């Protein structure tokens, strides 16, 4: 399936060269797993999901063996970290022992409060990002790339108005197209799987 970019990527990329643990939190189906695979494509490394019960058990009981087994290159992406007991404590141990060899990138979802459960162990060692469903800007970028440039121009005009008082032009021949996109966004929301599957949106929405 074609990968479509997210606005958060630019921020994540800047932190990939630092040693701090990256923690990405957000609701299910917001695109966290896809984001990990995207980072892996760009930076290399290994991907592991703790939805696999064998991987989860090894991570909890033998974290050093877990890391050594999966260490391929500089980066290790651990999906669904909320499934592990003491995930923050284990991440701190791995950071303290291996931060010169590996960069950890974790995700967490559901009701798991990353900043509480992991954050207290990674003070000064971790940086947090929240990956939400698509914003309206991303929705336009995904659905109407030919209109996205116009959309960004409108955003810049609004920014200049707010910062400088420069009155934007309201003569917009694409107003109806943007209104139609907004109605679709408000109806179906911004979960990536739903946005991509135009023919089955209602069924996918019910399954979330």
C-alpha atoms as a PDB file:
ATOM      1  CA  UNK A   1       0.000   0.000   0.000  1.00  0.00           C
ATOM      2  CA  UNK A   2       1.291   3.474  -0.895  1.00  0.00           C
ATOM      3  CA  UNK A   3       2.810   5.356   2.018  1.00  0.00           C
ATOM      4  CA  UNK A   4       1.471   8.850   2.583  1.00  0.00           C
ATOM      5  CA  UNK A   5       3.495  11.279   4.719  1.00  0.00           C
ATOM      6  CA  UNK A   6       2.610  12.701   8.136  1.00  0.00           C
ATOM      7  CA  UNK A   7       3.483  16.166   9.412  1.00  0.00           C
ATOM      8  CA  UNK A   8       5.142  14.699  12.515  1.00  0.00           C
ATOM      9  CA  UNK A   9       7.876  13.030  10.443  1.00  0.00           C
ATOM     10  CA  UNK A  10      10.049  16.117  10.176  1.00  0.00           C
ATOM     11  CA  UNK A  11      10.182  16.438  13.966  1.00  0.00           C
ATOM     12  CA  UNK A  12      10.907  12.745  14.438  1.00  0.00           C
ATOM     13  CA  UNK A  13      13.708  12.780  11.880  1.00  0.00           C
ATOM     14  CA  UNK A  14      15.531  15.509  13.808  1.00  0.00           C
ATOM     15  CA  UNK A  15      15.553  13.370  16.955  1.00  0.00           C
ATOM     16  CA  UNK A  16      16.709  10.178  15.255  1.00  0.00           C
ATOM     17  CA  UNK A  17      20.320  11.345  15.357  1.00  0.00           C
ATOM     18  CA  UNK A  18      20.238  11.911  19.130  1.00  0.00           C
ATOM     19  CA  UNK A  19      20.594   9.197  21.760  1.00  0.00           C
ATOM     20  CA  UNK A  20      17.382   9.892  23.719  1.00  0.00           C
ATOM     21  CA  UNK A  21      14.658   7.241  23.621  1.00  0.00           C
ATOM     22  CA  UNK A  22      11.807   8.301  21.318  1.00  0.00           C
ATOM     23  CA  UNK A  23       8.334   7.455  22.627  1.00  0.00           C
ATOM     24  CA  UNK A  24       5.379   7.779  20.243  1.00  0.00           C
ATOM     25  CA  UNK A  25       1.951   7.626  21.835  1.00  0.00           C
ATOM     26  CA  UNK A  26      -1.498   7.830  20.321  1.00  0.00           C
ATOM     27  CA  UNK A  27      -4.802   6.025  19.796  1.00  0.00           C
ATOM     28  CA  UNK A  28      -5.041   2.736  17.978  1.00  0.00           C
ATOM     29  CA  UNK A  29      -5.219   2.930  14.191  1.00  0.00           C
ATOM     30  CA  UNK A  30      -3.587   6.377  14.156  1.00  0.00           C
ATOM     31  CA  UNK A  31      -0.595   5.060  12.185  1.00  0.00           C
ATOM     32  CA  UNK A  32       2.073   4.361  14.819  1.00  0.00           C
ATOM     33  CA  UNK A  33       3.110   0.982  13.407  1.00  0.00           C
ATOM     34  CA  UNK A  34       3.245   2.407   9.902  1.00  0.00           C
ATOM     35  CA  UNK A  35       5.401   5.241  11.224  1.00  0.00           C
ATOM     36  CA  UNK A  36       7.863   2.783  12.791  1.00  0.00           C
ATOM     37  CA  UNK A  37       8.201   0.914   9.499  1.00  0.00           C
ATOM     38  CA  UNK A  38       8.700   4.221   7.708  1.00  0.00           C
ATOM     39  CA  UNK A  39      11.486   5.199  10.111  1.00  0.00           C
ATOM     40  CA  UNK A  40      13.059   1.797   9.642  1.00  0.00           C
ATOM     41  CA  UNK A  41      13.051   2.260   5.873  1.00  0.00           C
ATOM     42  CA  UNK A  42      14.852   5.578   6.251  1.00  0.00           C
ATOM     43  CA  UNK A  43      17.268   4.824   9.082  1.00  0.00           C
ATOM     44  CA  UNK A  44      17.595   1.030   9.178  1.00  0.00           C
ATOM     45  CA  UNK A  45      17.462  -1.178  12.258  1.00  0.00           C
ATOM     46  CA  UNK A  46      15.061  -3.813  13.589  1.00  0.00           C
ATOM     47  CA  UNK A  47      11.324  -3.811  14.285  1.00  0.00           C
ATOM     48  CA  UNK A  48       9.697  -5.883  17.054  1.00  0.00           C
ATOM     49  CA  UNK A  49       6.116  -5.909  18.272  1.00  0.00           C
ATOM     50  CA  UNK A  50       5.299  -6.878  21.839  1.00  0.00           C
ATOM     51  CA  UNK A  51       1.969  -8.216  20.608  1.00  0.00           C
ATOM     52  CA  UNK A  52       4.015 -11.368  19.988  1.00  0.00           C
ATOM     53  CA  UNK A  53       3.800 -13.225  23.324  1.00  0.00           C
ATOM     54  CA  UNK A  54       7.259 -14.782  22.918  1.00  0.00           C
ATOM     55  CA  UNK A  55       8.852 -11.404  22.292  1.00  0.00           C
ATOM     56  CA  UNK A  56       6.930  -9.908  25.197  1.00  0.00           C
ATOM     57  CA  UNK A  57       8.134 -12.599  27.591  1.00  0.00           C
ATOM     58  CA  UNK A  58      11.754 -12.181  26.523  1.00  0.00           C
ATOM     59  CA  UNK A  59      11.540  -8.400  26.790  1.00  0.00           C
ATOM     60  CA  UNK A  60      10.157  -8.600  30.331  1.00  0.00           C
ATOM     61  CA  UNK A  61      12.365 -11.399  31.672  1.00  0.00           C
ATOM     62  CA  UNK A  62      15.586 -11.095  29.686  1.00  0.00           C
ATOM     63  CA  UNK A  63      15.786  -7.531  28.323  1.00  0.00           C
ATOM     64  CA  UNK A  64      19.508  -7.657  27.554  1.00  0.00           C
ATOM     65  CA  UNK A  65      19.106 -10.876  25.589  1.00  0.00           C
ATOM     66  CA  UNK A  66      16.110  -9.331  23.830  1.00  0.00           C
ATOM     67  CA  UNK A  67      18.182  -6.380  22.693  1.00  0.00           C
ATOM     68  CA  UNK A  68      21.207  -8.433  21.639  1.00  0.00           C
ATOM     69  CA  UNK A  69      18.987 -10.743  19.581  1.00  0.00           C
ATOM     70  CA  UNK A  70      17.347  -7.910  17.679  1.00  0.00           C
ATOM     71  CA  UNK A  71      20.235  -5.486  17.404  1.00  0.00           C
ATOM     72  CA  UNK A  72      20.815  -4.902  13.701  1.00  0.00           C
ATOM     73  CA  UNK A  73      22.344  -1.528  13.076  1.00  0.00           C
ATOM     74  CA  UNK A  74      21.816   1.489  15.294  1.00  0.00           C
ATOM     75  CA  UNK A  75      18.019   1.486  15.725  1.00  0.00           C
ATOM     76  CA  UNK A  76      15.526  -0.772  17.513  1.00  0.00           C
ATOM     77  CA  UNK A  77      11.802  -0.069  17.082  1.00  0.00           C
ATOM     78  CA  UNK A  78       9.581  -1.614  19.778  1.00  0.00           C
ATOM     79  CA  UNK A  79       5.859  -1.503  18.998  1.00  0.00           C
ATOM     80  CA  UNK A  80       3.060  -1.805  21.591  1.00  0.00           C
ATOM     81  CA  UNK A  81       5.324  -1.115  24.584  1.00  0.00           C
ATOM     82  CA  UNK A  82       2.262  -0.738  26.809  1.00  0.00           C
ATOM     83  CA  UNK A  83       1.921  -4.525  26.848  1.00  0.00           C
ATOM     84  CA  UNK A  84       5.071  -4.951  28.938  1.00  0.00           C
ATOM     85  CA  UNK A  85       5.159  -4.756  32.706  1.00  0.00           C
ATOM     86  CA  UNK A  86       7.784  -2.259  33.846  1.00  0.00           C
ATOM     87  CA  UNK A  87       8.324  -1.053  30.270  1.00  0.00           C
ATOM     88  CA  UNK A  88       9.840   2.201  31.505  1.00  0.00           C
ATOM     89  CA  UNK A  89      12.205   0.484  33.911  1.00  0.00           C
ATOM     90  CA  UNK A  90      13.391  -1.884  31.178  1.00  0.00           C
ATOM     91  CA  UNK A  91      13.812   0.969  28.684  1.00  0.00           C
ATOM     92  CA  UNK A  92      15.923   2.848  31.245  1.00  0.00           C
ATOM     93  CA  UNK A  93      18.115  -0.222  31.773  1.00  0.00           C
ATOM     94  CA  UNK A  94      18.666  -0.663  28.045  1.00  0.00           C
ATOM     95  CA  UNK A  95      19.361   3.044  27.606  1.00  0.00           C
ATOM     96  CA  UNK A  96      21.890   3.110  30.428  1.00  0.00           C
ATOM     97  CA  UNK A  97      23.704   0.019  29.155  1.00  0.00           C
ATOM     98  CA  UNK A  98      23.446   0.408  25.387  1.00  0.00           C
ATOM     99  CA  UNK A  99      22.769   4.044  24.434  1.00  0.00           C
ATOM    100  CA  UNK A 100      26.164   4.186  22.741  1.00  0.00           C
ATOM    101  CA  UNK A 101      25.151   1.256  20.520  1.00  0.00           C
ATOM    102  CA  UNK A 102      21.421   1.522  19.950  1.00  0.00           C
ATOM    103  CA  UNK A 103      18.673   4.093  19.613  1.00  0.00           C
ATOM    104  CA  UNK A 104      15.318   2.951  21.038  1.00  0.00           C
ATOM    105  CA  UNK A 105      12.001   4.023  19.501  1.00  0.00           C
ATOM    106  CA  UNK A 106       8.881   2.888  21.398  1.00  0.00           C
ATOM    107  CA  UNK A 107       5.153   3.177  20.770  1.00  0.00           C
ATOM    108  CA  UNK A 108       2.232   2.921  23.178  1.00  0.00           C
ATOM    109  CA  UNK A 109      -1.517   3.066  22.678  1.00  0.00           C
ATOM    110  CA  UNK A 110      -4.863   2.490  24.345  1.00  0.00           C
ATOM    111  CA  UNK A 111      -5.379   3.799  27.868  1.00  0.00           C
ATOM    112  CA  UNK A 112      -1.666   3.434  28.559  1.00  0.00           C
ATOM    113  CA  UNK A 113      -0.325   6.718  29.952  1.00  0.00           C
ATOM    114  CA  UNK A 114       3.212   6.759  28.637  1.00  0.00           C
ATOM    115  CA  UNK A 115       4.345   9.813  30.543  1.00  0.00           C
ATOM    116  CA  UNK A 116       3.263   8.201  33.812  1.00  0.00           C
ATOM    117  CA  UNK A 117       4.221   4.581  33.202  1.00  0.00           C
ATOM    118  CA  UNK A 118       7.427   5.160  31.246  1.00  0.00           C
ATOM    119  CA  UNK A 119       8.206   8.833  31.741  1.00  0.00           C
ATOM    120  CA  UNK A 120       9.133   8.569  35.403  1.00  0.00           C
ATOM    121  CA  UNK A 121      11.927   6.173  34.449  1.00  0.00           C
ATOM    122  CA  UNK A 122      13.196   8.161  31.476  1.00  0.00           C
ATOM    123  CA  UNK A 123      13.570  11.647  32.919  1.00  0.00           C
ATOM    124  CA  UNK A 124      16.277  13.285  30.822  1.00  0.00           C
ATOM    125  CA  UNK A 125      16.508  10.158  28.680  1.00  0.00           C
ATOM    126  CA  UNK A 126      13.352  10.285  26.576  1.00  0.00           C
ATOM    127  CA  UNK A 127      11.404  12.557  24.242  1.00  0.00           C
ATOM    128  CA  UNK A 128       7.671  12.188  23.572  1.00  0.00           C
ATOM    129  CA  UNK A 129       5.553  12.601  20.457  1.00  0.00           C
ATOM    130  CA  UNK A 130       1.814  12.186  20.019  1.00  0.00           C
ATOM    131  CA  UNK A 131       0.587  10.711  16.751  1.00  0.00           C
ATOM    132  CA  UNK A 132      -3.098  11.477  16.286  1.00  0.00           C
ATOM    133  CA  UNK A 133      -5.432  10.728  13.378  1.00  0.00           C
ATOM    134  CA  UNK A 134      -4.956  12.966  10.361  1.00  0.00           C
ATOM    135  CA  UNK A 135      -5.414  16.679  10.778  1.00  0.00           C
ATOM    136  CA  UNK A 136      -7.540  18.446   8.174  1.00  0.00           C
ATOM    137  CA  UNK A 137      -4.322  19.671   6.535  1.00  0.00           C
ATOM    138  CA  UNK A 138      -3.030  16.099   6.239  1.00  0.00           C
ATOM    139  CA  UNK A 139      -6.449  14.988   5.004  1.00  0.00           C
ATOM    140  CA  UNK A 140      -6.235  17.507   2.161  1.00  0.00           C
ATOM    141  CA  UNK A 141      -2.647  16.450   1.412  1.00  0.00           C
ATOM    142  CA  UNK A 142      -3.696  12.793   1.185  1.00  0.00           C
ATOM    143  CA  UNK A 143      -6.910  13.279  -0.802  1.00  0.00           C
ATOM    144  CA  UNK A 144      -6.254  16.232  -3.081  1.00  0.00           C
ATOM    145  CA  UNK A 145      -2.570  16.805  -3.656  1.00  0.00           C
ATOM    146  CA  UNK A 146      -3.314  19.225  -6.477  1.00  0.00           C
ATOM    147  CA  UNK A 147      -5.177  21.424  -3.965  1.00  0.00           C
ATOM    148  CA  UNK A 148      -2.655  21.065  -1.160  1.00  0.00           C
ATOM    149  CA  UNK A 149      -0.343  23.784  -2.491  1.00  0.00           C
ATOM    150  CA  UNK A 150      -3.303  26.177  -2.575  1.00  0.00           C
ATOM    151  CA  UNK A 151      -4.230  25.085   0.952  1.00  0.00           C
ATOM    152  CA  UNK A 152      -0.739  25.898   2.259  1.00  0.00           C
ATOM    153  CA  UNK A 153      -0.915  29.300   0.578  1.00  0.00           C
ATOM    154  CA  UNK A 154      -4.181  29.965   2.418  1.00  0.00           C
ATOM    155  CA  UNK A 155      -2.558  28.956   5.700  1.00  0.00           C
ATOM    156  CA  UNK A 156       0.349  31.305   5.093  1.00  0.00           C
ATOM    157  CA  UNK A 157      -2.041  34.156   4.275  1.00  0.00           C
ATOM    158  CA  UNK A 158      -3.922  33.509   7.510  1.00  0.00           C
ATOM    159  CA  UNK A 159      -0.651  33.436   9.454  1.00  0.00           C
ATOM    160  CA  UNK A 160       0.359  36.811   8.007  1.00  0.00           C
ATOM    161  CA  UNK A 161      -3.033  38.217   8.904  1.00  0.00           C
ATOM    162  CA  UNK A 162      -2.747  37.035  12.510  1.00  0.00           C
ATOM    163  CA  UNK A 163       0.866  38.149  12.916  1.00  0.00           C
ATOM    164  CA  UNK A 164       1.033  41.251  10.729  1.00  0.00           C
ATOM    165  CA  UNK A 165      -2.572  42.289  10.220  1.00  0.00           C
ATOM    166  CA  UNK A 166      -2.232  41.773   6.466  1.00  0.00           C
ATOM    167  CA  UNK A 167      -5.751  41.247   5.109  1.00  0.00           C
ATOM    168  CA  UNK A 168      -5.997  38.003   3.068  1.00  0.00           C
ATOM    169  CA  UNK A 169      -7.941  37.781  -0.169  1.00  0.00           C
ATOM    170  CA  UNK A 170     -11.294  36.029   0.137  1.00  0.00           C
ATOM    171  CA  UNK A 171     -11.674  35.496  -3.604  1.00  0.00           C
ATOM    172  CA  UNK A 172     -11.286  31.716  -3.613  1.00  0.00           C
ATOM    173  CA  UNK A 173     -12.369  29.792  -6.731  1.00  0.00           C
ATOM    174  CA  UNK A 174     -11.657  26.516  -4.899  1.00  0.00           C
ATOM    175  CA  UNK A 175     -13.924  27.205  -1.954  1.00  0.00           C
ATOM    176  CA  UNK A 176     -16.446  24.516  -2.875  1.00  0.00           C
ATOM    177  CA  UNK A 177     -13.727  21.863  -3.241  1.00  0.00           C
ATOM    178  CA  UNK A 178     -12.354  22.679   0.207  1.00  0.00           C
ATOM    179  CA  UNK A 179     -15.838  22.676   1.712  1.00  0.00           C
ATOM    180  CA  UNK A 180     -16.517  19.226   0.234  1.00  0.00           C
ATOM    181  CA  UNK A 181     -13.255  17.922   1.687  1.00  0.00           C
ATOM    182  CA  UNK A 182     -14.114  19.415   5.070  1.00  0.00           C
ATOM    183  CA  UNK A 183     -17.536  17.736   5.048  1.00  0.00           C
ATOM    184  CA  UNK A 184     -15.927  14.393   4.224  1.00  0.00           C
ATOM    185  CA  UNK A 185     -13.331  14.896   6.959  1.00  0.00           C
ATOM    186  CA  UNK A 186     -16.002  15.730   9.526  1.00  0.00           C
ATOM    187  CA  UNK A 187     -18.082  12.718   8.490  1.00  0.00           C
ATOM    188  CA  UNK A 188     -15.377  10.043   8.439  1.00  0.00           C
ATOM    189  CA  UNK A 189     -12.606  11.512  10.572  1.00  0.00           C
ATOM    190  CA  UNK A 190      -8.890  11.155  10.059  1.00  0.00           C
ATOM    191  CA  UNK A 191      -7.993   7.535  10.776  1.00  0.00           C
ATOM    192  CA  UNK A 192      -5.528   6.648   7.985  1.00  0.00           C
ATOM    193  CA  UNK A 193      -7.042   3.266   7.067  1.00  0.00           C
ATOM    194  CA  UNK A 194     -10.445   4.866   6.528  1.00  0.00           C
ATOM    195  CA  UNK A 195      -9.065   7.759   4.514  1.00  0.00           C
ATOM    196  CA  UNK A 196      -7.191   5.382   2.192  1.00  0.00           C
ATOM    197  CA  UNK A 197     -10.096   2.992   1.608  1.00  0.00           C
ATOM    198  CA  UNK A 198     -12.579   5.247  -0.115  1.00  0.00           C
ATOM    199  CA  UNK A 199     -14.935   2.418  -1.114  1.00  0.00           C
ATOM    200  CA  UNK A 200     -15.277   0.844   2.331  1.00  0.00           C
ATOM    201  CA  UNK A 201     -15.139   3.796   4.719  1.00  0.00           C
ATOM    202  CA  UNK A 202     -18.382   3.098   6.540  1.00  0.00           C
ATOM    203  CA  UNK A 203     -17.527  -0.554   7.220  1.00  0.00           C
ATOM    204  CA  UNK A 204     -14.022   0.311   8.402  1.00  0.00           C
ATOM    205  CA  UNK A 205     -15.327   3.061  10.640  1.00  0.00           C
ATOM    206  CA  UNK A 206     -17.700   0.631  12.349  1.00  0.00           C
ATOM    207  CA  UNK A 207     -14.853  -1.835  12.947  1.00  0.00           C
ATOM    208  CA  UNK A 208     -12.607   0.602  14.843  1.00  0.00           C
END
